[in-house]
Amino acid sequence: MNTNANNPQDQRNGAKTSTVHLASDLPSRWLLPVGAIAVSIALAGCEKPPACGDTSTAADVHTTLLQQVQKRVVRAGYGSDDPDGVLPGYLRTVKSELVQVVYEGYNAEAKKNICKATMRVTHDDFKPQERPILYTSRLTEDITPSGKRDTLVEIIGMEPLIETVSVFAQQHYLRHRYSGNWNGTYSCTGVDGAESGPQGPYKQDVTLVGDGINAKLERTTKGGGVEVLNGTLSQQAFLEGKGQNNADDFWVTKFAGEIQGKQLTATGTLALPFDPRTMTTAEVLRRCELQLTQEARK
């Protein structure tokens, strides 16, 4: 890194450029939403703001990108319920660098460096993205508990990068948040109040398999038949399908519920199917409940 390119004395010889590379293996505590595209950091033992190409400045620009992406994805309805940290885990794999860093000057009254650069963002999921950005870094009057002064980095021009990374981060979240096995119980009341026998209540262990937002539950019935349910998973869960023991014993099943953390709770019914030939209304046979827990992520 050429730090001389960011020294105010370089104004006499014209603006210089430098490149700052930054990986994104950041602590998850950094991934917190902020209200504006600006970030404040502690500055140790210095009465001037960090230089335009300083690694701490580049780190703040990168962190601000991740903060804004996380905020946007959560605002879209994803990532707020994320027990395994799928979204922060994805953001830590995003990389960025500042290239062609130019020191534009120092505003003595505002005590800020004025900078411009091209920000390049990379990830295996998408082609490298580049945008010109303007940014400033200045000292604030805030003092941290350790006695260090803070600096504030403000950025203009990052919005297209935020939008691109947000789209791919959301897709990643949906591919992984609900995937895997959900294990638990499937219980139903008896038919017409029956308390025992083939038409009595039952409870059995089942496994629902999540693949992205798609889900499938298949079970063997007490009567030796098979029931297969398909549906979708998000903050809400929906499943429906058919079951059959023999040619004369068949039904349709529907469940609806919600997911909180690793728990899926849904209620539903087993009913005779609607018969268009006789216009017979579907008759509910059993009322049922699913209680499932998502397996730990490997």
C-alpha atoms as a PDB file:
ATOM      1  CA  MET A   1       0.000   0.000   0.000  1.00  0.00           C
ATOM      2  CA  ASN A   2       1.324   3.457  -0.919  1.00  0.00           C
ATOM      3  CA  THR A   3       0.413   5.631   2.039  1.00  0.00           C
ATOM      4  CA  ASN A   4       2.197   8.635   0.544  1.00  0.00           C
ATOM      5  CA  ALA A   5      -0.627   8.938  -1.927  1.00  0.00           C
ATOM      6  CA  ASN A   6      -2.872   9.968   0.933  1.00  0.00           C
ATOM      7  CA  ASN A   7      -0.631  12.567   2.573  1.00  0.00           C
ATOM      8  CA  PRO A   8      -1.837  16.216   2.347  1.00  0.00           C
ATOM      9  CA  GLN A   9       1.658  17.208   1.297  1.00  0.00           C
ATOM     10  CA  ASP A  10       1.115  15.377  -1.981  1.00  0.00           C
ATOM     11  CA  GLN A  11      -1.133  18.225  -3.161  1.00  0.00           C
ATOM     12  CA  ARG A  12       2.005  20.069  -4.211  1.00  0.00           C
ATOM     13  CA  ASN A  13       2.876  17.307  -6.680  1.00  0.00           C
ATOM     14  CA  GLY A  14      -0.655  16.470  -7.805  1.00  0.00           C
ATOM     15  CA  ALA A  15      -3.013  13.753  -6.583  1.00  0.00           C
ATOM     16  CA  LYS A  16      -1.566  10.261  -6.310  1.00  0.00           C
ATOM     17  CA  THR A  17      -3.341   6.921  -6.328  1.00  0.00           C
ATOM     18  CA  SER A  18      -3.045   3.706  -4.353  1.00  0.00           C
ATOM     19  CA  THR A  19      -4.816   0.404  -3.922  1.00  0.00           C
ATOM     20  CA  VAL A  20      -6.083  -1.059  -0.669  1.00  0.00           C
ATOM     21  CA  HIS A  21      -7.103  -4.736  -0.574  1.00  0.00           C
ATOM     22  CA  LEU A  22      -9.473  -5.949   2.105  1.00  0.00           C
ATOM     23  CA  ALA A  23     -10.825  -9.392   2.907  1.00  0.00           C
ATOM     24  CA  SER A  24     -14.112  -9.671   4.736  1.00  0.00           C
ATOM     25  CA  ASP A  25     -13.370 -12.107   7.539  1.00  0.00           C
ATOM     26  CA  LEU A  26     -14.945  -9.719  10.028  1.00  0.00           C
ATOM     27  CA  PRO A  27     -16.341 -10.478  13.479  1.00  0.00           C
ATOM     28  CA  SER A  28     -20.104 -10.981  13.464  1.00  0.00           C
ATOM     29  CA  ARG A  29     -20.440  -8.149  15.995  1.00  0.00           C
ATOM     30  CA  TRP A  30     -19.652  -5.725  13.153  1.00  0.00           C
ATOM     31  CA  LEU A  31     -22.706  -6.799  11.197  1.00  0.00           C
ATOM     32  CA  LEU A  32     -25.240  -4.478  12.749  1.00  0.00           C
ATOM     33  CA  PRO A  33     -27.671  -2.272  10.796  1.00  0.00           C
ATOM     34  CA  VAL A  34     -26.989   1.452  10.763  1.00  0.00           C
ATOM     35  CA  GLY A  35     -29.218   4.386   9.925  1.00  0.00           C
ATOM     36  CA  ALA A  36     -26.960   6.002   7.341  1.00  0.00           C
ATOM     37  CA  ILE A  37     -24.062   5.080   5.140  1.00  0.00           C
ATOM     38  CA  ALA A  38     -21.491   6.134   7.680  1.00  0.00           C
ATOM     39  CA  VAL A  39     -19.513   4.353  10.353  1.00  0.00           C
ATOM     40  CA  SER A  40     -17.665   5.567  13.430  1.00  0.00           C
ATOM     41  CA  ILE A  41     -14.460   3.943  14.685  1.00  0.00           C
ATOM     42  CA  ALA A  42     -11.940   4.490  17.445  1.00  0.00           C
ATOM     43  CA  LEU A  43      -8.768   6.301  16.433  1.00  0.00           C
ATOM     44  CA  ALA A  44      -5.757   5.653  18.627  1.00  0.00           C
ATOM     45  CA  GLY A  45      -3.061   8.223  19.306  1.00  0.00           C
ATOM     46  CA  CYS A  46      -3.690  10.486  16.300  1.00  0.00           C
ATOM     47  CA  GLU A  47      -5.170  13.962  15.944  1.00  0.00           C
ATOM     48  CA  LYS A  48      -5.797  13.683  12.223  1.00  0.00           C
ATOM     49  CA  PRO A  49      -8.333  11.423  10.515  1.00  0.00           C
ATOM     50  CA  PRO A  50      -7.111   8.253   8.811  1.00  0.00           C
ATOM     51  CA  ALA A  51      -5.655   8.706   5.333  1.00  0.00           C
ATOM     52  CA  CYS A  52      -7.797   7.898   2.304  1.00  0.00           C
ATOM     53  CA  GLY A  53      -5.926   4.681   1.606  1.00  0.00           C
ATOM     54  CA  ASP A  54      -5.389   3.675   5.205  1.00  0.00           C
ATOM     55  CA  THR A  55      -6.369   0.071   5.916  1.00  0.00           C
ATOM     56  CA  SER A  56      -8.668   1.203   8.734  1.00  0.00           C
ATOM     57  CA  THR A  57     -10.511   3.514   6.314  1.00  0.00           C
ATOM     58  CA  ALA A  58     -10.887   0.683   3.812  1.00  0.00           C
ATOM     59  CA  ALA A  59     -12.137  -1.576   6.607  1.00  0.00           C
ATOM     60  CA  ASP A  60     -14.774   0.989   7.565  1.00  0.00           C
ATOM     61  CA  VAL A  61     -15.955   1.341   3.966  1.00  0.00           C
ATOM     62  CA  HIS A  62     -16.231  -2.440   3.715  1.00  0.00           C
ATOM     63  CA  THR A  63     -18.025  -2.785   7.054  1.00  0.00           C
ATOM     64  CA  THR A  64     -20.514  -0.104   6.064  1.00  0.00           C
ATOM     65  CA  LEU A  65     -21.331  -2.045   2.899  1.00  0.00           C
ATOM     66  CA  LEU A  66     -22.054  -5.180   4.941  1.00  0.00           C
ATOM     67  CA  GLN A  67     -24.130  -3.271   7.487  1.00  0.00           C
ATOM     68  CA  GLN A  68     -26.303  -1.755   4.782  1.00  0.00           C
ATOM     69  CA  VAL A  69     -26.754  -5.099   3.012  1.00  0.00           C
ATOM     70  CA  GLN A  70     -27.828  -6.771   6.239  1.00  0.00           C
ATOM     71  CA  LYS A  71     -30.238  -3.938   6.987  1.00  0.00           C
ATOM     72  CA  ARG A  72     -31.804  -4.169   3.521  1.00  0.00           C
ATOM     73  CA  VAL A  73     -32.219  -7.962   3.607  1.00  0.00           C
ATOM     74  CA  VAL A  74     -33.838  -7.822   7.048  1.00  0.00           C
ATOM     75  CA  ARG A  75     -36.123  -4.996   5.928  1.00  0.00           C
ATOM     76  CA  ALA A  76     -37.239  -7.229   3.036  1.00  0.00           C
ATOM     77  CA  GLY A  77     -38.393  -9.794   5.582  1.00  0.00           C
ATOM     78  CA  TYR A  78     -35.407 -12.119   5.709  1.00  0.00           C
ATOM     79  CA  GLY A  79     -32.640 -12.668   8.219  1.00  0.00           C
ATOM     80  CA  SER A  80     -34.294 -11.377  11.378  1.00  0.00           C
ATOM     81  CA  ASP A  81     -34.967 -14.978  12.491  1.00  0.00           C
ATOM     82  CA  ASP A  82     -31.622 -16.605  11.784  1.00  0.00           C
ATOM     83  CA  PRO A  83     -30.582 -18.976  14.598  1.00  0.00           C
ATOM     84  CA  ASP A  84     -27.637 -20.440  12.673  1.00  0.00           C
ATOM     85  CA  GLY A  85     -26.325 -17.093  11.427  1.00  0.00           C
ATOM     86  CA  VAL A  86     -26.811 -17.896   7.742  1.00  0.00           C
ATOM     87  CA  LEU A  87     -26.872 -14.225   6.684  1.00  0.00           C
ATOM     88  CA  PRO A  88     -23.852 -12.993   8.714  1.00  0.00           C
ATOM     89  CA  GLY A  89     -21.966 -16.089   7.597  1.00  0.00           C
ATOM     90  CA  TYR A  90     -22.568 -15.179   3.965  1.00  0.00           C
ATOM     91  CA  LEU A  91     -21.561 -11.553   4.467  1.00  0.00           C
ATOM     92  CA  ARG A  92     -18.251 -12.609   5.966  1.00  0.00           C
ATOM     93  CA  THR A  93     -17.397 -14.257   2.626  1.00  0.00           C
ATOM     94  CA  VAL A  94     -17.876 -11.021   0.664  1.00  0.00           C
ATOM     95  CA  LYS A  95     -14.598  -9.315  -0.226  1.00  0.00           C
ATOM     96  CA  SER A  96     -13.819  -5.782  -1.317  1.00  0.00           C
ATOM     97  CA  GLU A  97     -10.951  -3.521  -2.209  1.00  0.00           C
ATOM     98  CA  LEU A  98     -10.445   0.170  -2.906  1.00  0.00           C
ATOM     99  CA  VAL A  99      -8.494   0.802  -6.109  1.00  0.00           C
ATOM    100  CA  GLN A 100      -7.261   4.035  -7.662  1.00  0.00           C
ATOM    101  CA  VAL A 101      -7.541   5.778  -4.311  1.00  0.00           C
ATOM    102  CA  VAL A 102      -7.184   9.540  -4.754  1.00  0.00           C
ATOM    103  CA  TYR A 103      -6.638  12.091  -1.996  1.00  0.00           C
ATOM    104  CA  GLU A 104      -8.724  15.119  -2.994  1.00  0.00           C
ATOM    105  CA  GLY A 105      -7.791  17.440  -0.153  1.00  0.00           C
ATOM    106  CA  TYR A 106      -8.278  18.290   3.484  1.00  0.00           C
ATOM    107  CA  ASN A 107     -11.065  20.499   4.804  1.00  0.00           C
ATOM    108  CA  ALA A 108      -9.472  22.167   7.786  1.00  0.00           C
ATOM    109  CA  GLU A 109     -12.721  23.654   9.058  1.00  0.00           C
ATOM    110  CA  ALA A 110     -14.552  20.303   8.999  1.00  0.00           C
ATOM    111  CA  LYS A 111     -11.344  18.431   9.874  1.00  0.00           C
ATOM    112  CA  LYS A 112     -11.972  15.833   7.207  1.00  0.00           C
ATOM    113  CA  ASN A 113     -10.052  14.146   4.422  1.00  0.00           C
ATOM    114  CA  ILE A 114     -11.856  14.145   1.085  1.00  0.00           C
ATOM    115  CA  CYS A 115     -11.264  11.032  -0.987  1.00  0.00           C
ATOM    116  CA  LYS A 116     -12.417   9.152  -4.047  1.00  0.00           C
ATOM    117  CA  ALA A 117     -11.776   5.632  -5.249  1.00  0.00           C
ATOM    118  CA  THR A 118     -13.205   2.724  -7.172  1.00  0.00           C
ATOM    119  CA  MET A 119     -14.707   0.136  -4.879  1.00  0.00           C
ATOM    120  CA  ARG A 120     -14.513  -3.439  -6.161  1.00  0.00           C
ATOM    121  CA  VAL A 121     -16.691  -6.111  -4.517  1.00  0.00           C
ATOM    122  CA  THR A 122     -16.189  -9.813  -5.203  1.00  0.00           C
ATOM    123  CA  HIS A 123     -17.821 -13.101  -4.258  1.00  0.00           C
ATOM    124  CA  ASP A 124     -18.065 -16.566  -5.783  1.00  0.00           C
ATOM    125  CA  ASP A 125     -21.793 -16.011  -6.390  1.00  0.00           C
ATOM    126  CA  PHE A 126     -21.470 -13.048  -8.761  1.00  0.00           C
ATOM    127  CA  LYS A 127     -19.129 -11.302 -11.183  1.00  0.00           C
ATOM    128  CA  PRO A 128     -16.862  -8.616  -9.675  1.00  0.00           C
ATOM    129  CA  GLN A 129     -18.753  -5.368  -9.206  1.00  0.00           C
ATOM    130  CA  GLU A 130     -17.100  -1.945  -9.400  1.00  0.00           C
ATOM    131  CA  ARG A 131     -18.400   1.532  -8.643  1.00  0.00           C
ATOM    132  CA  PRO A 132     -16.733   4.915  -8.140  1.00  0.00           C
ATOM    133  CA  ILE A 133     -17.321   6.237  -4.636  1.00  0.00           C
ATOM    134  CA  LEU A 134     -16.662   9.473  -2.787  1.00  0.00           C
ATOM    135  CA  TYR A 135     -15.908   9.324   0.901  1.00  0.00           C
ATOM    136  CA  THR A 136     -14.662  11.466   3.748  1.00  0.00           C
ATOM    137  CA  SER A 137     -13.068  10.644   7.079  1.00  0.00           C
ATOM    138  CA  ARG A 138     -13.034  13.066   9.977  1.00  0.00           C
ATOM    139  CA  LEU A 139     -12.430  13.168  13.679  1.00  0.00           C
ATOM    140  CA  THR A 140     -15.442  13.475  15.947  1.00  0.00           C
ATOM    141  CA  GLU A 141     -15.694  14.930  19.426  1.00  0.00           C
ATOM    142  CA  ASP A 142     -16.752  11.572  20.834  1.00  0.00           C
ATOM    143  CA  ILE A 143     -14.378   9.803  23.173  1.00  0.00           C
ATOM    144  CA  THR A 144     -14.492   6.055  23.619  1.00  0.00           C
ATOM    145  CA  PRO A 145     -14.315   4.428  27.081  1.00  0.00           C
ATOM    146  CA  SER A 146     -10.650   3.721  26.376  1.00  0.00           C
ATOM    147  CA  GLY A 147     -10.004   7.450  25.886  1.00  0.00           C
ATOM    148  CA  LYS A 148      -9.541   7.288  22.109  1.00  0.00           C
ATOM    149  CA  ARG A 149     -11.139   9.746  19.731  1.00  0.00           C
ATOM    150  CA  ASP A 150     -13.591   8.463  17.127  1.00  0.00           C
ATOM    151  CA  THR A 151     -13.560   9.022  13.406  1.00  0.00           C
ATOM    152  CA  LEU A 152     -16.526   9.057  11.063  1.00  0.00           C
ATOM    153  CA  VAL A 153     -16.355   7.741   7.504  1.00  0.00           C
ATOM    154  CA  GLU A 154     -19.141   8.899   5.173  1.00  0.00           C
ATOM    155  CA  ILE A 155     -19.676   7.401   1.719  1.00  0.00           C
ATOM    156  CA  ILE A 156     -21.509   8.443  -1.459  1.00  0.00           C
ATOM    157  CA  GLY A 157     -22.075   6.156  -4.452  1.00  0.00           C
ATOM    158  CA  MET A 158     -22.268   2.768  -2.747  1.00  0.00           C
ATOM    159  CA  GLU A 159     -25.979   2.132  -3.426  1.00  0.00           C
ATOM    160  CA  PRO A 160     -25.565  -0.076  -6.568  1.00  0.00           C
ATOM    161  CA  LEU A 161     -23.109  -2.299  -4.701  1.00  0.00           C
ATOM    162  CA  ILE A 162     -25.485  -2.577  -1.752  1.00  0.00           C
ATOM    163  CA  GLU A 163     -28.299  -3.586  -4.107  1.00  0.00           C
ATOM    164  CA  THR A 164     -26.261  -6.280  -5.872  1.00  0.00           C
ATOM    165  CA  VAL A 165     -24.896  -7.899  -2.726  1.00  0.00           C
ATOM    166  CA  SER A 166     -28.339  -7.723  -1.072  1.00  0.00           C
ATOM    167  CA  VAL A 167     -29.951  -9.714  -3.887  1.00  0.00           C
ATOM    168  CA  PHE A 168     -27.409 -12.522  -3.653  1.00  0.00           C
ATOM    169  CA  ALA A 169     -27.361 -12.483   0.150  1.00  0.00           C
ATOM    170  CA  GLN A 170     -31.144 -12.882   0.214  1.00  0.00           C
ATOM    171  CA  GLN A 171     -30.996 -15.767  -2.261  1.00  0.00           C
ATOM    172  CA  HIS A 172     -28.343 -17.475  -0.160  1.00  0.00           C
ATOM    173  CA  TYR A 173     -30.439 -17.033   2.967  1.00  0.00           C
ATOM    174  CA  LEU A 174     -33.472 -18.613   1.321  1.00  0.00           C
ATOM    175  CA  ARG A 175     -31.402 -21.540  -0.006  1.00  0.00           C
ATOM    176  CA  HIS A 176     -29.983 -22.400   3.403  1.00  0.00           C
ATOM    177  CA  ARG A 177     -32.080 -21.034   6.275  1.00  0.00           C
ATOM    178  CA  TYR A 178     -34.793 -23.726   6.108  1.00  0.00           C
ATOM    179  CA  SER A 179     -32.845 -26.555   4.467  1.00  0.00           C
ATOM    180  CA  GLY A 180     -32.195 -29.823   6.242  1.00  0.00           C
ATOM    181  CA  ASN A 181     -34.229 -32.239   8.332  1.00  0.00           C
ATOM    182  CA  TRP A 182     -36.989 -31.131  10.677  1.00  0.00           C
ATOM    183  CA  ASN A 183     -37.768 -33.907  13.157  1.00  0.00           C
ATOM    184  CA  GLY A 184     -40.678 -34.227  15.544  1.00  0.00           C
ATOM    185  CA  THR A 185     -44.208 -35.477  15.954  1.00  0.00           C
ATOM    186  CA  TYR A 186     -47.372 -35.651  13.855  1.00  0.00           C
ATOM    187  CA  SER A 187     -50.470 -36.101  16.037  1.00  0.00           C
ATOM    188  CA  CYS A 188     -54.174 -36.258  15.198  1.00  0.00           C
ATOM    189  CA  THR A 189     -57.483 -36.573  17.009  1.00  0.00           C
ATOM    190  CA  GLY A 190     -59.759 -39.592  16.534  1.00  0.00           C
ATOM    191  CA  VAL A 191     -62.401 -39.794  13.823  1.00  0.00           C
ATOM    192  CA  ASP A 192     -65.823 -38.712  15.142  1.00  0.00           C
ATOM    193  CA  GLY A 193     -64.430 -38.599  18.686  1.00  0.00           C
ATOM    194  CA  ALA A 194     -63.106 -42.168  18.692  1.00  0.00           C
ATOM    195  CA  GLU A 195     -60.608 -42.709  21.532  1.00  0.00           C
ATOM    196  CA  SER A 196     -59.084 -46.042  20.513  1.00  0.00           C
ATOM    197  CA  GLY A 197     -58.804 -48.523  17.682  1.00  0.00           C
ATOM    198  CA  PRO A 198     -58.028 -47.775  14.008  1.00  0.00           C
ATOM    199  CA  GLN A 199     -60.094 -44.573  14.111  1.00  0.00           C
ATOM    200  CA  GLY A 200     -58.692 -43.397  17.443  1.00  0.00           C
ATOM    201  CA  PRO A 201     -56.103 -40.647  17.953  1.00  0.00           C
ATOM    202  CA  TYR A 202     -52.478 -41.244  17.067  1.00  0.00           C
ATOM    203  CA  LYS A 203     -49.048 -39.674  17.386  1.00  0.00           C
ATOM    204  CA  GLN A 204     -46.003 -40.667  15.372  1.00  0.00           C
ATOM    205  CA  ASP A 205     -42.457 -39.507  14.739  1.00  0.00           C
ATOM    206  CA  VAL A 206     -41.869 -37.919  11.348  1.00  0.00           C
ATOM    207  CA  THR A 207     -39.169 -36.070   9.412  1.00  0.00           C
ATOM    208  CA  LEU A 208     -39.817 -33.146   7.093  1.00  0.00           C
ATOM    209  CA  VAL A 209     -37.051 -32.449   4.571  1.00  0.00           C
ATOM    210  CA  GLY A 210     -36.377 -28.823   3.662  1.00  0.00           C
ATOM    211  CA  ASP A 211     -34.672 -27.974   0.371  1.00  0.00           C
ATOM    212  CA  GLY A 212     -34.367 -24.213   0.110  1.00  0.00           C
ATOM    213  CA  ILE A 213     -37.924 -22.999   0.672  1.00  0.00           C
ATOM    214  CA  ASN A 214     -39.430 -26.281  -0.555  1.00  0.00           C
ATOM    215  CA  ALA A 215     -40.465 -29.012   1.859  1.00  0.00           C
ATOM    216  CA  LYS A 216     -41.582 -32.640   1.730  1.00  0.00           C
ATOM    217  CA  LEU A 217     -42.977 -34.905   4.428  1.00  0.00           C
ATOM    218  CA  GLU A 218     -43.643 -38.566   3.752  1.00  0.00           C
ATOM    219  CA  ARG A 219     -44.973 -41.016   6.333  1.00  0.00           C
ATOM    220  CA  THR A 220     -46.296 -44.538   6.613  1.00  0.00           C
ATOM    221  CA  THR A 221     -49.805 -44.536   8.069  1.00  0.00           C
ATOM    222  CA  LYS A 222     -51.224 -46.697  10.849  1.00  0.00           C
ATOM    223  CA  GLY A 223     -53.239 -48.529   8.196  1.00  0.00           C
ATOM    224  CA  GLY A 224     -50.132 -49.429   6.216  1.00  0.00           C
ATOM    225  CA  GLY A 225     -50.628 -46.785   3.551  1.00  0.00           C
ATOM    226  CA  VAL A 226     -48.592 -43.739   2.594  1.00  0.00           C
ATOM    227  CA  GLU A 227     -49.169 -40.017   2.925  1.00  0.00           C
ATOM    228  CA  VAL A 228     -47.028 -37.507   1.007  1.00  0.00           C
ATOM    229  CA  LEU A 229     -47.131 -33.766   1.725  1.00  0.00           C
ATOM    230  CA  ASN A 230     -45.365 -31.000  -0.181  1.00  0.00           C
ATOM    231  CA  GLY A 231     -45.160 -27.318   0.578  1.00  0.00           C
ATOM    232  CA  THR A 232     -43.068 -24.257   1.331  1.00  0.00           C
ATOM    233  CA  LEU A 233     -41.123 -22.935   4.305  1.00  0.00           C
ATOM    234  CA  SER A 234     -40.427 -19.344   5.307  1.00  0.00           C
ATOM    235  CA  GLN A 235     -41.625 -17.519   8.384  1.00  0.00           C
ATOM    236  CA  GLN A 236     -44.833 -19.385   7.595  1.00  0.00           C
ATOM    237  CA  ALA A 237     -45.090 -23.063   6.721  1.00  0.00           C
ATOM    238  CA  PHE A 238     -47.633 -24.582   4.339  1.00  0.00           C
ATOM    239  CA  LEU A 239     -48.049 -28.277   3.490  1.00  0.00           C
ATOM    240  CA  GLU A 240     -50.671 -30.201   1.566  1.00  0.00           C
ATOM    241  CA  GLY A 241     -51.033 -33.561  -0.074  1.00  0.00           C
ATOM    242  CA  LYS A 242     -52.833 -36.881  -0.120  1.00  0.00           C
ATOM    243  CA  GLY A 243     -52.861 -40.123   1.825  1.00  0.00           C
ATOM    244  CA  GLN A 244     -54.244 -43.551   1.033  1.00  0.00           C
ATOM    245  CA  ASN A 245     -54.493 -46.893   2.813  1.00  0.00           C
ATOM    246  CA  ASN A 246     -56.403 -48.691   0.060  1.00  0.00           C
ATOM    247  CA  ALA A 247     -58.733 -48.008  -2.850  1.00  0.00           C
ATOM    248  CA  ASP A 248     -61.594 -47.133  -0.498  1.00  0.00           C
ATOM    249  CA  ASP A 249     -59.653 -45.309   2.209  1.00  0.00           C
ATOM    250  CA  PHE A 250     -58.068 -42.050   1.079  1.00  0.00           C
ATOM    251  CA  TRP A 251     -57.976 -38.408   2.184  1.00  0.00           C
ATOM    252  CA  VAL A 252     -56.437 -34.981   1.621  1.00  0.00           C
ATOM    253  CA  THR A 253     -54.256 -33.227   4.186  1.00  0.00           C
ATOM    254  CA  LYS A 254     -53.482 -29.555   4.761  1.00  0.00           C
ATOM    255  CA  PHE A 255     -51.239 -27.844   7.333  1.00  0.00           C
ATOM    256  CA  ALA A 256     -50.454 -24.198   8.002  1.00  0.00           C
ATOM    257  CA  GLY A 257     -48.209 -22.801  10.705  1.00  0.00           C
ATOM    258  CA  GLU A 258     -45.175 -20.719  11.514  1.00  0.00           C
ATOM    259  CA  ILE A 259     -41.458 -21.069  12.144  1.00  0.00           C
ATOM    260  CA  GLN A 260     -39.685 -19.369  15.033  1.00  0.00           C
ATOM    261  CA  GLY A 261     -36.018 -20.123  15.396  1.00  0.00           C
ATOM    262  CA  LYS A 262     -35.643 -23.861  14.951  1.00  0.00           C
ATOM    263  CA  GLN A 263     -39.245 -24.687  15.886  1.00  0.00           C
ATOM    264  CA  LEU A 264     -42.012 -25.371  13.372  1.00  0.00           C
ATOM    265  CA  THR A 265     -45.562 -25.544  14.690  1.00  0.00           C
ATOM    266  CA  ALA A 266     -48.513 -26.155  12.366  1.00  0.00           C
ATOM    267  CA  THR A 267     -52.117 -27.229  12.608  1.00  0.00           C
ATOM    268  CA  GLY A 268     -54.167 -28.938   9.950  1.00  0.00           C
ATOM    269  CA  THR A 269     -56.823 -31.405   8.946  1.00  0.00           C
ATOM    270  CA  LEU A 270     -57.272 -34.777   7.303  1.00  0.00           C
ATOM    271  CA  ALA A 271     -60.464 -34.645   5.238  1.00  0.00           C
ATOM    272  CA  LEU A 272     -62.374 -36.556   2.599  1.00  0.00           C
ATOM    273  CA  PRO A 273     -61.678 -34.950  -0.802  1.00  0.00           C
ATOM    274  CA  PHE A 274     -64.305 -32.814  -2.470  1.00  0.00           C
ATOM    275  CA  ASP A 275     -66.284 -34.905  -4.962  1.00  0.00           C
ATOM    276  CA  PRO A 276     -67.242 -32.825  -8.047  1.00  0.00           C
ATOM    277  CA  ARG A 277     -69.582 -35.568  -9.262  1.00  0.00           C
ATOM    278  CA  THR A 278     -71.841 -35.338  -6.243  1.00  0.00           C
ATOM    279  CA  MET A 279     -70.750 -31.812  -5.158  1.00  0.00           C
ATOM    280  CA  THR A 280     -70.171 -33.300  -1.726  1.00  0.00           C
ATOM    281  CA  THR A 281     -68.439 -30.883   0.647  1.00  0.00           C
ATOM    282  CA  ALA A 282     -65.106 -32.057   2.028  1.00  0.00           C
ATOM    283  CA  GLU A 283     -65.638 -33.668   5.422  1.00  0.00           C
ATOM    284  CA  VAL A 284     -62.993 -33.211   8.104  1.00  0.00           C
ATOM    285  CA  LEU A 285     -61.964 -36.576   9.545  1.00  0.00           C
ATOM    286  CA  ARG A 286     -59.185 -35.585  11.950  1.00  0.00           C
ATOM    287  CA  ARG A 287     -57.635 -32.402  13.323  1.00  0.00           C
ATOM    288  CA  CYS A 288     -53.873 -32.590  13.524  1.00  0.00           C
ATOM    289  CA  GLU A 289     -50.732 -30.847  14.724  1.00  0.00           C
ATOM    290  CA  LEU A 290     -47.083 -30.868  13.691  1.00  0.00           C
ATOM    291  CA  GLN A 291     -44.312 -30.088  16.191  1.00  0.00           C
ATOM    292  CA  LEU A 292     -40.908 -30.163  14.497  1.00  0.00           C
ATOM    293  CA  THR A 293     -37.356 -29.064  15.319  1.00  0.00           C
ATOM    294  CA  GLN A 294     -34.688 -28.284  12.747  1.00  0.00           C
ATOM    295  CA  GLU A 295     -31.558 -30.376  13.060  1.00  0.00           C
ATOM    296  CA  ALA A 296     -28.302 -28.656  13.970  1.00  0.00           C
ATOM    297  CA  ARG A 297     -26.469 -27.353  10.938  1.00  0.00           C
ATOM    298  CA  LYS A 298     -23.312 -29.298  10.097  1.00  0.00           C
END
